[in-house]
């Protein structure tokens, strides 16, 4: 779902998961910008 977006716009990213029971997991979004460490963005529990 990534791409180019303007500051006034919006974008929705998707994460498709398989091979596990989602109820047992927390899923988080991380990001890494050029020259920077990977950082946590958001997380959701089942």
ModelCIF file with pLDDT and N, C-alpha, C, O atoms, coordinates in Angstrom:
data_MODEL
#
_entry.id   MODEL 
#
_entity.id                         1 
_entity.type                       polymer 
_entity.pdbx_number_of_molecules   1 
#
_entity_poly.entity_id                      1 
_entity_poly.type                           'polypeptide(L)' 
_entity_poly.nstd_linkage                   no 
_entity_poly.nstd_monomer                   no 
_entity_poly.pdbx_seq_one_letter_code       
;(UNK)(UNK)(UNK)(UNK)(UNK)(UNK)(UNK)(UNK)(UNK)(UNK)(UNK)(UNK)(UNK)(UNK)(UNK)(UNK)
(UNK)(UNK)(UNK)(UNK)(UNK)(UNK)(UNK)(UNK)(UNK)(UNK)(UNK)(UNK)(UNK)(UNK)(UNK)(UNK)
(UNK)(UNK)(UNK)(UNK)(UNK)(UNK)(UNK)(UNK)(UNK)(UNK)(UNK)(UNK)(UNK)(UNK)
;
_entity_poly.pdbx_seq_one_letter_code_can   XXXXXXXXXXXXXXXXXXXXXXXXXXXXXXXXXXXXXXXXXXXXXX 
_entity_poly.pdbx_strand_id                 A 
#
loop_
_entity_poly_seq.entity_id 
_entity_poly_seq.num 
_entity_poly_seq.mon_id 
_entity_poly_seq.hetero 
1 1  UNK n 
1 2  UNK n 
1 3  UNK n 
1 4  UNK n 
1 5  UNK n 
1 6  UNK n 
1 7  UNK n 
1 8  UNK n 
1 9  UNK n 
1 10 UNK n 
1 11 UNK n 
1 12 UNK n 
1 13 UNK n 
1 14 UNK n 
1 15 UNK n 
1 16 UNK n 
1 17 UNK n 
1 18 UNK n 
1 19 UNK n 
1 20 UNK n 
1 21 UNK n 
1 22 UNK n 
1 23 UNK n 
1 24 UNK n 
1 25 UNK n 
1 26 UNK n 
1 27 UNK n 
1 28 UNK n 
1 29 UNK n 
1 30 UNK n 
1 31 UNK n 
1 32 UNK n 
1 33 UNK n 
1 34 UNK n 
1 35 UNK n 
1 36 UNK n 
1 37 UNK n 
1 38 UNK n 
1 39 UNK n 
1 40 UNK n 
1 41 UNK n 
1 42 UNK n 
1 43 UNK n 
1 44 UNK n 
1 45 UNK n 
1 46 UNK n 
#
_struct_asym.id          A 
_struct_asym.entity_id   1 
#
loop_
_ma_qa_metric.id 
_ma_qa_metric.mode 
_ma_qa_metric.name 
_ma_qa_metric.software_group_id 
_ma_qa_metric.type 
1 global pLDDT . pLDDT 
2 local  pLDDT . pLDDT 
#
_ma_qa_metric_global.metric_id      1 
_ma_qa_metric_global.metric_value   93.13 
_ma_qa_metric_global.model_id       1 
_ma_qa_metric_global.ordinal_id     1 
#
loop_
_ma_qa_metric_local.label_asym_id 
_ma_qa_metric_local.label_comp_id 
_ma_qa_metric_local.label_seq_id 
_ma_qa_metric_local.metric_id 
_ma_qa_metric_local.metric_value 
_ma_qa_metric_local.model_id 
_ma_qa_metric_local.ordinal_id 
A UNK 1  2 98.00 1 1  
A UNK 2  2 98.00 1 2  
A UNK 3  2 98.00 1 3  
A UNK 4  2 98.00 1 4  
A UNK 5  2 97.00 1 5  
A UNK 6  2 96.00 1 6  
A UNK 7  2 95.00 1 7  
A UNK 8  2 88.00 1 8  
A UNK 9  2 96.00 1 9  
A UNK 10 2 97.00 1 10 
A UNK 11 2 97.00 1 11 
A UNK 12 2 98.00 1 12 
A UNK 13 2 98.00 1 13 
A UNK 14 2 97.00 1 14 
A UNK 15 2 96.00 1 15 
A UNK 16 2 94.00 1 16 
A UNK 17 2 90.00 1 17 
A UNK 18 2 89.00 1 18 
A UNK 19 2 86.00 1 19 
A UNK 20 2 78.00 1 20 
A UNK 21 2 77.00 1 21 
A UNK 22 2 76.00 1 22 
A UNK 23 2 78.00 1 23 
A UNK 24 2 84.00 1 24 
A UNK 25 2 86.00 1 25 
A UNK 26 2 92.00 1 26 
A UNK 27 2 93.00 1 27 
A UNK 28 2 95.00 1 28 
A UNK 29 2 98.00 1 29 
A UNK 30 2 98.00 1 30 
A UNK 31 2 98.00 1 31 
A UNK 32 2 98.00 1 32 
A UNK 33 2 97.00 1 33 
A UNK 34 2 92.00 1 34 
A UNK 35 2 94.00 1 35 
A UNK 36 2 96.00 1 36 
A UNK 37 2 97.00 1 37 
A UNK 38 2 97.00 1 38 
A UNK 39 2 97.00 1 39 
A UNK 40 2 97.00 1 40 
A UNK 41 2 98.00 1 41 
A UNK 42 2 98.00 1 42 
A UNK 43 2 97.00 1 43 
A UNK 44 2 95.00 1 44 
A UNK 45 2 90.00 1 45 
A UNK 46 2 82.00 1 46 
#
loop_
_atom_site.group_PDB 
_atom_site.id 
_atom_site.type_symbol 
_atom_site.label_atom_id 
_atom_site.label_alt_id 
_atom_site.label_comp_id 
_atom_site.label_asym_id 
_atom_site.label_entity_id 
_atom_site.label_seq_id 
_atom_site.pdbx_PDB_ins_code 
_atom_site.Cartn_x 
_atom_site.Cartn_y 
_atom_site.Cartn_z 
_atom_site.occupancy 
_atom_site.B_iso_or_equiv 
_atom_site.pdbx_formal_charge 
_atom_site.auth_seq_id 
_atom_site.auth_comp_id 
_atom_site.auth_asym_id 
_atom_site.auth_atom_id 
_atom_site.pdbx_PDB_model_num 
ATOM 1   N N  . UNK A 1 1  ? 0.775  -1.226  0.000  1.00 98.00 ? 1  UNK A N  1 
ATOM 2   C CA . UNK A 1 1  ? 0.000  0.000   0.000  1.00 98.00 ? 1  UNK A CA 1 
ATOM 3   C C  . UNK A 1 1  ? 0.807  1.275   0.000  1.00 98.00 ? 1  UNK A C  1 
ATOM 4   O O  . UNK A 1 1  ? 0.237  2.366   -0.032 1.00 98.00 ? 1  UNK A O  1 
ATOM 5   N N  . UNK A 1 2  ? 2.106  1.165   0.035  1.00 98.00 ? 2  UNK A N  1 
ATOM 6   C CA . UNK A 1 2  ? 2.930  2.351   0.030  1.00 98.00 ? 2  UNK A CA 1 
ATOM 7   C C  . UNK A 1 2  ? 2.918  3.043   -1.315 1.00 98.00 ? 2  UNK A C  1 
ATOM 8   O O  . UNK A 1 2  ? 2.439  2.503   -2.312 1.00 98.00 ? 2  UNK A O  1 
ATOM 9   N N  . UNK A 1 3  ? 3.449  4.235   -1.320 1.00 98.00 ? 3  UNK A N  1 
ATOM 10  C CA . UNK A 1 3  ? 3.508  5.012   -2.540 1.00 98.00 ? 3  UNK A CA 1 
ATOM 11  C C  . UNK A 1 3  ? 3.805  6.457   -2.238 1.00 98.00 ? 3  UNK A C  1 
ATOM 12  O O  . UNK A 1 3  ? 4.241  6.806   -1.141 1.00 98.00 ? 3  UNK A O  1 
ATOM 13  N N  . UNK A 1 4  ? 3.565  7.286   -3.219 1.00 98.00 ? 4  UNK A N  1 
ATOM 14  C CA . UNK A 1 4  ? 3.774  8.724   -3.086 1.00 98.00 ? 4  UNK A CA 1 
ATOM 15  C C  . UNK A 1 4  ? 2.480  9.385   -2.634 1.00 98.00 ? 4  UNK A C  1 
ATOM 16  O O  . UNK A 1 4  ? 1.420  9.156   -3.217 1.00 98.00 ? 4  UNK A O  1 
ATOM 17  N N  . UNK A 1 5  ? 2.572  10.197  -1.607 1.00 97.00 ? 5  UNK A N  1 
ATOM 18  C CA . UNK A 1 5  ? 1.404  10.904  -1.095 1.00 97.00 ? 5  UNK A CA 1 
ATOM 19  C C  . UNK A 1 5  ? 1.796  12.334  -0.762 1.00 97.00 ? 5  UNK A C  1 
ATOM 20  O O  . UNK A 1 5  ? 2.900  12.590  -0.281 1.00 97.00 ? 5  UNK A O  1 
ATOM 21  N N  . UNK A 1 6  ? 0.893  13.253  -1.017 1.00 96.00 ? 6  UNK A N  1 
ATOM 22  C CA . UNK A 1 6  ? 1.124  14.649  -0.687 1.00 96.00 ? 6  UNK A CA 1 
ATOM 23  C C  . UNK A 1 6  ? 0.789  14.908  0.774  1.00 96.00 ? 6  UNK A C  1 
ATOM 24  O O  . UNK A 1 6  ? 0.000  14.173  1.367  1.00 96.00 ? 6  UNK A O  1 
ATOM 25  N N  . UNK A 1 7  ? 1.376  15.940  1.358  1.00 95.00 ? 7  UNK A N  1 
ATOM 26  C CA . UNK A 1 7  ? 1.097  16.243  2.773  1.00 95.00 ? 7  UNK A CA 1 
ATOM 27  C C  . UNK A 1 7  ? -0.392 16.393  3.076  1.00 95.00 ? 7  UNK A C  1 
ATOM 28  O O  . UNK A 1 7  ? -0.818 16.077  4.187  1.00 95.00 ? 7  UNK A O  1 
ATOM 29  N N  . UNK A 1 8  ? -1.174 16.854  2.144  1.00 88.00 ? 8  UNK A N  1 
ATOM 30  C CA . UNK A 1 8  ? -2.603 17.005  2.374  1.00 88.00 ? 8  UNK A CA 1 
ATOM 31  C C  . UNK A 1 8  ? -3.417 15.766  2.079  1.00 88.00 ? 8  UNK A C  1 
ATOM 32  O O  . UNK A 1 8  ? -4.642 15.781  2.201  1.00 88.00 ? 8  UNK A O  1 
ATOM 33  N N  . UNK A 1 9  ? -2.757 14.705  1.695  1.00 96.00 ? 9  UNK A N  1 
ATOM 34  C CA . UNK A 1 9  ? -3.458 13.498  1.323  1.00 96.00 ? 9  UNK A CA 1 
ATOM 35  C C  . UNK A 1 9  ? -3.514 12.469  2.428  1.00 96.00 ? 9  UNK A C  1 
ATOM 36  O O  . UNK A 1 9  ? -3.336 12.781  3.605  1.00 96.00 ? 9  UNK A O  1 
ATOM 37  N N  . UNK A 1 10 ? -3.762 11.248  2.028  1.00 97.00 ? 10 UNK A N  1 
ATOM 38  C CA . UNK A 1 10 ? -3.820 10.142  2.967  1.00 97.00 ? 10 UNK A CA 1 
ATOM 39  C C  . UNK A 1 10 ? -3.391 8.879   2.257  1.00 97.00 ? 10 UNK A C  1 
ATOM 40  O O  . UNK A 1 10 ? -3.374 8.805   1.028  1.00 97.00 ? 10 UNK A O  1 
ATOM 41  N N  . UNK A 1 11 ? -3.051 7.902   3.046  1.00 97.00 ? 11 UNK A N  1 
ATOM 42  C CA . UNK A 1 11 ? -2.575 6.636   2.508  1.00 97.00 ? 11 UNK A CA 1 
ATOM 43  C C  . UNK A 1 11 ? -2.889 5.544   3.513  1.00 97.00 ? 11 UNK A C  1 
ATOM 44  O O  . UNK A 1 11 ? -2.805 5.762   4.722  1.00 97.00 ? 11 UNK A O  1 
ATOM 45  N N  . UNK A 1 12 ? -3.247 4.386   3.022  1.00 98.00 ? 12 UNK A N  1 
ATOM 46  C CA . UNK A 1 12 ? -3.501 3.257   3.897  1.00 98.00 ? 12 UNK A CA 1 
ATOM 47  C C  . UNK A 1 12 ? -2.574 2.109   3.550  1.00 98.00 ? 12 UNK A C  1 
ATOM 48  O O  . UNK A 1 12 ? -2.542 1.623   2.420  1.00 98.00 ? 12 UNK A O  1 
ATOM 49  N N  . UNK A 1 13 ? -1.833 1.697   4.537  1.00 98.00 ? 13 UNK A N  1 
ATOM 50  C CA . UNK A 1 13 ? -0.964 0.547   4.399  1.00 98.00 ? 13 UNK A CA 1 
ATOM 51  C C  . UNK A 1 13 ? -1.672 -0.693  4.917  1.00 98.00 ? 13 UNK A C  1 
ATOM 52  O O  . UNK A 1 13 ? -2.482 -0.622  5.841  1.00 98.00 ? 13 UNK A O  1 
ATOM 53  N N  . UNK A 1 14 ? -1.358 -1.817  4.317  1.00 97.00 ? 14 UNK A N  1 
ATOM 54  C CA . UNK A 1 14 ? -1.943 -3.077  4.730  1.00 97.00 ? 14 UNK A CA 1 
ATOM 55  C C  . UNK A 1 14 ? -0.850 -4.069  5.072  1.00 97.00 ? 14 UNK A C  1 
ATOM 56  O O  . UNK A 1 14 ? 0.224  -4.073  4.469  1.00 97.00 ? 14 UNK A O  1 
ATOM 57  N N  . UNK A 1 15 ? -1.138 -4.896  6.036  1.00 96.00 ? 15 UNK A N  1 
ATOM 58  C CA . UNK A 1 15 ? -0.244 -5.980  6.405  1.00 96.00 ? 15 UNK A CA 1 
ATOM 59  C C  . UNK A 1 15 ? -1.050 -7.261  6.394  1.00 96.00 ? 15 UNK A C  1 
ATOM 60  O O  . UNK A 1 15 ? -1.957 -7.443  7.206  1.00 96.00 ? 15 UNK A O  1 
ATOM 61  N N  . UNK A 1 16 ? -0.720 -8.139  5.480  1.00 94.00 ? 16 UNK A N  1 
ATOM 62  C CA . UNK A 1 16 ? -1.379 -9.430  5.392  1.00 94.00 ? 16 UNK A CA 1 
ATOM 63  C C  . UNK A 1 16 ? -0.553 -10.458 6.146  1.00 94.00 ? 16 UNK A C  1 
ATOM 64  O O  . UNK A 1 16 ? 0.633  -10.648 5.876  1.00 94.00 ? 16 UNK A O  1 
ATOM 65  N N  . UNK A 1 17 ? -1.191 -11.105 7.079  1.00 90.00 ? 17 UNK A N  1 
ATOM 66  C CA . UNK A 1 17 ? -0.503 -12.073 7.921  1.00 90.00 ? 17 UNK A CA 1 
ATOM 67  C C  . UNK A 1 17 ? -1.080 -13.462 7.698  1.00 90.00 ? 17 UNK A C  1 
ATOM 68  O O  . UNK A 1 17 ? -2.273 -13.618 7.437  1.00 90.00 ? 17 UNK A O  1 
ATOM 69  N N  . UNK A 1 18 ? -0.240 -14.443 7.801  1.00 89.00 ? 18 UNK A N  1 
ATOM 70  C CA . UNK A 1 18 ? -0.679 -15.823 7.663  1.00 89.00 ? 18 UNK A CA 1 
ATOM 71  C C  . UNK A 1 18 ? 0.231  -16.722 8.483  1.00 89.00 ? 18 UNK A C  1 
ATOM 72  O O  . UNK A 1 18 ? 1.332  -16.335 8.872  1.00 89.00 ? 18 UNK A O  1 
ATOM 73  N N  . UNK A 1 19 ? -0.249 -17.918 8.734  1.00 86.00 ? 19 UNK A N  1 
ATOM 74  C CA . UNK A 1 19 ? 0.559  -18.904 9.408  1.00 86.00 ? 19 UNK A CA 1 
ATOM 75  C C  . UNK A 1 19 ? 0.514  -18.864 10.922 1.00 86.00 ? 19 UNK A C  1 
ATOM 76  O O  . UNK A 1 19 ? 1.307  -19.532 11.585 1.00 86.00 ? 19 UNK A O  1 
ATOM 77  N N  . UNK A 1 20 ? -0.406 -18.088 11.474 1.00 78.00 ? 20 UNK A N  1 
ATOM 78  C CA . UNK A 1 20 ? -0.525 -18.033 12.927 1.00 78.00 ? 20 UNK A CA 1 
ATOM 79  C C  . UNK A 1 20 ? -1.930 -17.600 13.315 1.00 78.00 ? 20 UNK A C  1 
ATOM 80  O O  . UNK A 1 20 ? -2.703 -17.107 12.493 1.00 78.00 ? 20 UNK A O  1 
ATOM 81  N N  . UNK A 1 21 ? -2.233 -17.796 14.571 1.00 77.00 ? 21 UNK A N  1 
ATOM 82  C CA . UNK A 1 21 ? -3.515 -17.355 15.109 1.00 77.00 ? 21 UNK A CA 1 
ATOM 83  C C  . UNK A 1 21 ? -3.379 -15.920 15.575 1.00 77.00 ? 21 UNK A C  1 
ATOM 84  O O  . UNK A 1 21 ? -2.653 -15.629 16.527 1.00 77.00 ? 21 UNK A O  1 
ATOM 85  N N  . UNK A 1 22 ? -4.082 -15.026 14.898 1.00 76.00 ? 22 UNK A N  1 
ATOM 86  C CA . UNK A 1 22 ? -3.933 -13.610 15.187 1.00 76.00 ? 22 UNK A CA 1 
ATOM 87  C C  . UNK A 1 22 ? -4.275 -13.267 16.626 1.00 76.00 ? 22 UNK A C  1 
ATOM 88  O O  . UNK A 1 22 ? -3.710 -12.329 17.188 1.00 76.00 ? 22 UNK A O  1 
ATOM 89  N N  . UNK A 1 23 ? -5.182 -14.005 17.222 1.00 78.00 ? 23 UNK A N  1 
ATOM 90  C CA . UNK A 1 23 ? -5.586 -13.724 18.599 1.00 78.00 ? 23 UNK A CA 1 
ATOM 91  C C  . UNK A 1 23 ? -4.427 -13.799 19.582 1.00 78.00 ? 23 UNK A C  1 
ATOM 92  O O  . UNK A 1 23 ? -4.489 -13.221 20.667 1.00 78.00 ? 23 UNK A O  1 
ATOM 93  N N  . UNK A 1 24 ? -3.389 -14.498 19.208 1.00 84.00 ? 24 UNK A N  1 
ATOM 94  C CA . UNK A 1 24 ? -2.253 -14.671 20.102 1.00 84.00 ? 24 UNK A CA 1 
ATOM 95  C C  . UNK A 1 24 ? -1.159 -13.641 19.883 1.00 84.00 ? 24 UNK A C  1 
ATOM 96  O O  . UNK A 1 24 ? -0.120 -13.689 20.541 1.00 84.00 ? 24 UNK A O  1 
ATOM 97  N N  . UNK A 1 25 ? -1.379 -12.722 18.975 1.00 86.00 ? 25 UNK A N  1 
ATOM 98  C CA . UNK A 1 25 ? -0.307 -11.826 18.560 1.00 86.00 ? 25 UNK A CA 1 
ATOM 99  C C  . UNK A 1 25 ? -0.684 -10.362 18.680 1.00 86.00 ? 25 UNK A C  1 
ATOM 100 O O  . UNK A 1 25 ? -1.857 -9.989  18.662 1.00 86.00 ? 25 UNK A O  1 
ATOM 101 N N  . UNK A 1 26 ? 0.341  -9.559  18.802 1.00 92.00 ? 26 UNK A N  1 
ATOM 102 C CA . UNK A 1 26 ? 0.240  -8.129  18.584 1.00 92.00 ? 26 UNK A CA 1 
ATOM 103 C C  . UNK A 1 26 ? 0.954  -7.816  17.276 1.00 92.00 ? 26 UNK A C  1 
ATOM 104 O O  . UNK A 1 26 ? 2.014  -8.370  16.987 1.00 92.00 ? 26 UNK A O  1 
ATOM 105 N N  . UNK A 1 27 ? 0.370  -6.935  16.501 1.00 93.00 ? 27 UNK A N  1 
ATOM 106 C CA . UNK A 1 27 ? 0.948  -6.552  15.223 1.00 93.00 ? 27 UNK A CA 1 
ATOM 107 C C  . UNK A 1 27 ? 1.324  -5.080  15.271 1.00 93.00 ? 27 UNK A C  1 
ATOM 108 O O  . UNK A 1 27 ? 0.518  -4.233  15.656 1.00 93.00 ? 27 UNK A O  1 
ATOM 109 N N  . UNK A 1 28 ? 2.531  -4.794  14.883 1.00 95.00 ? 28 UNK A N  1 
ATOM 110 C CA . UNK A 1 28 ? 2.993  -3.421  14.909 1.00 95.00 ? 28 UNK A CA 1 
ATOM 111 C C  . UNK A 1 28 ? 3.526  -2.963  13.571 1.00 95.00 ? 28 UNK A C  1 
ATOM 112 O O  . UNK A 1 28 ? 3.943  -3.762  12.733 1.00 95.00 ? 28 UNK A O  1 
ATOM 113 N N  . UNK A 1 29 ? 3.502  -1.662  13.394 1.00 98.00 ? 29 UNK A N  1 
ATOM 114 C CA . UNK A 1 29 ? 4.105  -1.025  12.242 1.00 98.00 ? 29 UNK A CA 1 
ATOM 115 C C  . UNK A 1 29 ? 5.376  -0.317  12.674 1.00 98.00 ? 29 UNK A C  1 
ATOM 116 O O  . UNK A 1 29 ? 5.401  0.402   13.673 1.00 98.00 ? 29 UNK A O  1 
ATOM 117 N N  . UNK A 1 30 ? 6.410  -0.531  11.916 1.00 98.00 ? 30 UNK A N  1 
ATOM 118 C CA . UNK A 1 30 ? 7.684  0.134   12.123 1.00 98.00 ? 30 UNK A CA 1 
ATOM 119 C C  . UNK A 1 30 ? 8.072  0.840   10.836 1.00 98.00 ? 30 UNK A C  1 
ATOM 120 O O  . UNK A 1 30 ? 7.539  0.551   9.765  1.00 98.00 ? 30 UNK A O  1 
ATOM 121 N N  . UNK A 1 31 ? 8.989  1.747   10.958 1.00 98.00 ? 31 UNK A N  1 
ATOM 122 C CA . UNK A 1 31 ? 9.466  2.431   9.772  1.00 98.00 ? 31 UNK A CA 1 
ATOM 123 C C  . UNK A 1 31 ? 10.943 2.746   9.912  1.00 98.00 ? 31 UNK A C  1 
ATOM 124 O O  . UNK A 1 31 ? 11.473 2.881   11.015 1.00 98.00 ? 31 UNK A O  1 
ATOM 125 N N  . UNK A 1 32 ? 11.581 2.858   8.779  1.00 98.00 ? 32 UNK A N  1 
ATOM 126 C CA . UNK A 1 32 ? 12.985 3.208   8.756  1.00 98.00 ? 32 UNK A CA 1 
ATOM 127 C C  . UNK A 1 32 ? 13.224 4.202   7.634  1.00 98.00 ? 32 UNK A C  1 
ATOM 128 O O  . UNK A 1 32 ? 13.028 3.900   6.457  1.00 98.00 ? 32 UNK A O  1 
ATOM 129 N N  . UNK A 1 33 ? 13.645 5.379   8.021  1.00 97.00 ? 33 UNK A N  1 
ATOM 130 C CA . UNK A 1 33 ? 13.983 6.422   7.068  1.00 97.00 ? 33 UNK A CA 1 
ATOM 131 C C  . UNK A 1 33 ? 15.459 6.328   6.727  1.00 97.00 ? 33 UNK A C  1 
ATOM 132 O O  . UNK A 1 33 ? 16.240 5.772   7.499  1.00 97.00 ? 33 UNK A O  1 
ATOM 133 N N  . UNK A 1 34 ? 15.847 6.864   5.583  1.00 92.00 ? 34 UNK A N  1 
ATOM 134 C CA . UNK A 1 34 ? 17.258 6.817   5.200  1.00 92.00 ? 34 UNK A CA 1 
ATOM 135 C C  . UNK A 1 34 ? 18.162 7.411   6.273  1.00 92.00 ? 34 UNK A C  1 
ATOM 136 O O  . UNK A 1 34 ? 17.931 8.524   6.746  1.00 92.00 ? 34 UNK A O  1 
ATOM 137 N N  . UNK A 1 35 ? 19.173 6.674   6.646  1.00 94.00 ? 35 UNK A N  1 
ATOM 138 C CA . UNK A 1 35 ? 20.124 7.149   7.630  1.00 94.00 ? 35 UNK A CA 1 
ATOM 139 C C  . UNK A 1 35 ? 19.647 7.129   9.064  1.00 94.00 ? 35 UNK A C  1 
ATOM 140 O O  . UNK A 1 35 ? 20.334 7.639   9.949  1.00 94.00 ? 35 UNK A O  1 
ATOM 141 N N  . UNK A 1 36 ? 18.492 6.553   9.310  1.00 96.00 ? 36 UNK A N  1 
ATOM 142 C CA . UNK A 1 36 ? 17.940 6.527   10.651 1.00 96.00 ? 36 UNK A CA 1 
ATOM 143 C C  . UNK A 1 36 ? 17.659 5.099   11.091 1.00 96.00 ? 36 UNK A C  1 
ATOM 144 O O  . UNK A 1 36 ? 17.541 4.186   10.273 1.00 96.00 ? 36 UNK A O  1 
ATOM 145 N N  . UNK A 1 37 ? 17.557 4.931   12.394 1.00 97.00 ? 37 UNK A N  1 
ATOM 146 C CA . UNK A 1 37 ? 17.230 3.628   12.940 1.00 97.00 ? 37 UNK A CA 1 
ATOM 147 C C  . UNK A 1 37 ? 15.758 3.316   12.729 1.00 97.00 ? 37 UNK A C  1 
ATOM 148 O O  . UNK A 1 37 ? 14.922 4.214   12.626 1.00 97.00 ? 37 UNK A O  1 
ATOM 149 N N  . UNK A 1 38 ? 15.465 2.050   12.667 1.00 97.00 ? 38 UNK A N  1 
ATOM 150 C CA . UNK A 1 38 ? 14.080 1.636   12.571 1.00 97.00 ? 38 UNK A CA 1 
ATOM 151 C C  . UNK A 1 38 ? 13.350 1.986   13.871 1.00 97.00 ? 38 UNK A C  1 
ATOM 152 O O  . UNK A 1 38 ? 13.869 1.758   14.963 1.00 97.00 ? 38 UNK A O  1 
ATOM 153 N N  . UNK A 1 39 ? 12.159 2.535   13.743 1.00 97.00 ? 39 UNK A N  1 
ATOM 154 C CA . UNK A 1 39 ? 11.410 2.965   14.904 1.00 97.00 ? 39 UNK A CA 1 
ATOM 155 C C  . UNK A 1 39 ? 9.986  2.431   14.861 1.00 97.00 ? 39 UNK A C  1 
ATOM 156 O O  . UNK A 1 39 ? 9.413  2.216   13.793 1.00 97.00 ? 39 UNK A O  1 
ATOM 157 N N  . UNK A 1 40 ? 9.436  2.225   16.036 1.00 97.00 ? 40 UNK A N  1 
ATOM 158 C CA . UNK A 1 40 ? 8.060  1.795   16.131 1.00 97.00 ? 40 UNK A CA 1 
ATOM 159 C C  . UNK A 1 40 ? 7.108  2.932   15.825 1.00 97.00 ? 40 UNK A C  1 
ATOM 160 O O  . UNK A 1 40 ? 7.358  4.080   16.195 1.00 97.00 ? 40 UNK A O  1 
ATOM 161 N N  . UNK A 1 41 ? 6.015  2.613   15.150 1.00 98.00 ? 41 UNK A N  1 
ATOM 162 C CA . UNK A 1 41 ? 5.015  3.599   14.761 1.00 98.00 ? 41 UNK A CA 1 
ATOM 163 C C  . UNK A 1 41 ? 3.703  3.372   15.496 1.00 98.00 ? 41 UNK A C  1 
ATOM 164 O O  . UNK A 1 41 ? 3.166  4.289   16.117 1.00 98.00 ? 41 UNK A O  1 
ATOM 165 N N  . UNK A 1 42 ? 3.195  2.165   15.426 1.00 98.00 ? 42 UNK A N  1 
ATOM 166 C CA . UNK A 1 42 ? 1.918  1.843   16.042 1.00 98.00 ? 42 UNK A CA 1 
ATOM 167 C C  . UNK A 1 42 ? 1.831  0.353   16.256 1.00 98.00 ? 42 UNK A C  1 
ATOM 168 O O  . UNK A 1 42 ? 2.533  -0.427  15.612 1.00 98.00 ? 42 UNK A O  1 
ATOM 169 N N  . UNK A 1 43 ? 0.965  -0.031  17.162 1.00 97.00 ? 43 UNK A N  1 
ATOM 170 C CA . UNK A 1 43 ? 0.794  -1.440  17.469 1.00 97.00 ? 43 UNK A CA 1 
ATOM 171 C C  . UNK A 1 43 ? -0.660 -1.685  17.835 1.00 97.00 ? 43 UNK A C  1 
ATOM 172 O O  . UNK A 1 43 ? -1.323 -0.820  18.408 1.00 97.00 ? 43 UNK A O  1 
ATOM 173 N N  . UNK A 1 44 ? -1.141 -2.856  17.503 1.00 95.00 ? 44 UNK A N  1 
ATOM 174 C CA . UNK A 1 44 ? -2.498 -3.240  17.866 1.00 95.00 ? 44 UNK A CA 1 
ATOM 175 C C  . UNK A 1 44 ? -2.489 -4.680  18.352 1.00 95.00 ? 44 UNK A C  1 
ATOM 176 O O  . UNK A 1 44 ? -1.790 -5.532  17.805 1.00 95.00 ? 44 UNK A O  1 
ATOM 177 N N  . UNK A 1 45 ? -3.273 -4.933  19.382 1.00 90.00 ? 45 UNK A N  1 
ATOM 178 C CA . UNK A 1 45 ? -3.431 -6.281  19.890 1.00 90.00 ? 45 UNK A CA 1 
ATOM 179 C C  . UNK A 1 45 ? -4.737 -6.856  19.383 1.00 90.00 ? 45 UNK A C  1 
ATOM 180 O O  . UNK A 1 45 ? -5.599 -6.128  18.891 1.00 90.00 ? 45 UNK A O  1 
ATOM 181 N N  . UNK A 1 46 ? -4.878 -8.158  19.504 1.00 82.00 ? 46 UNK A N  1 
ATOM 182 C CA . UNK A 1 46 ? -6.056 -8.826  18.978 1.00 82.00 ? 46 UNK A CA 1 
ATOM 183 C C  . UNK A 1 46 ? -7.338 -8.396  19.676 1.00 82.00 ? 46 UNK A C  1 
ATOM 184 O O  . UNK A 1 46 ? -8.419 -8.879  19.337 1.00 82.00 ? 46 UNK A O  1 
#
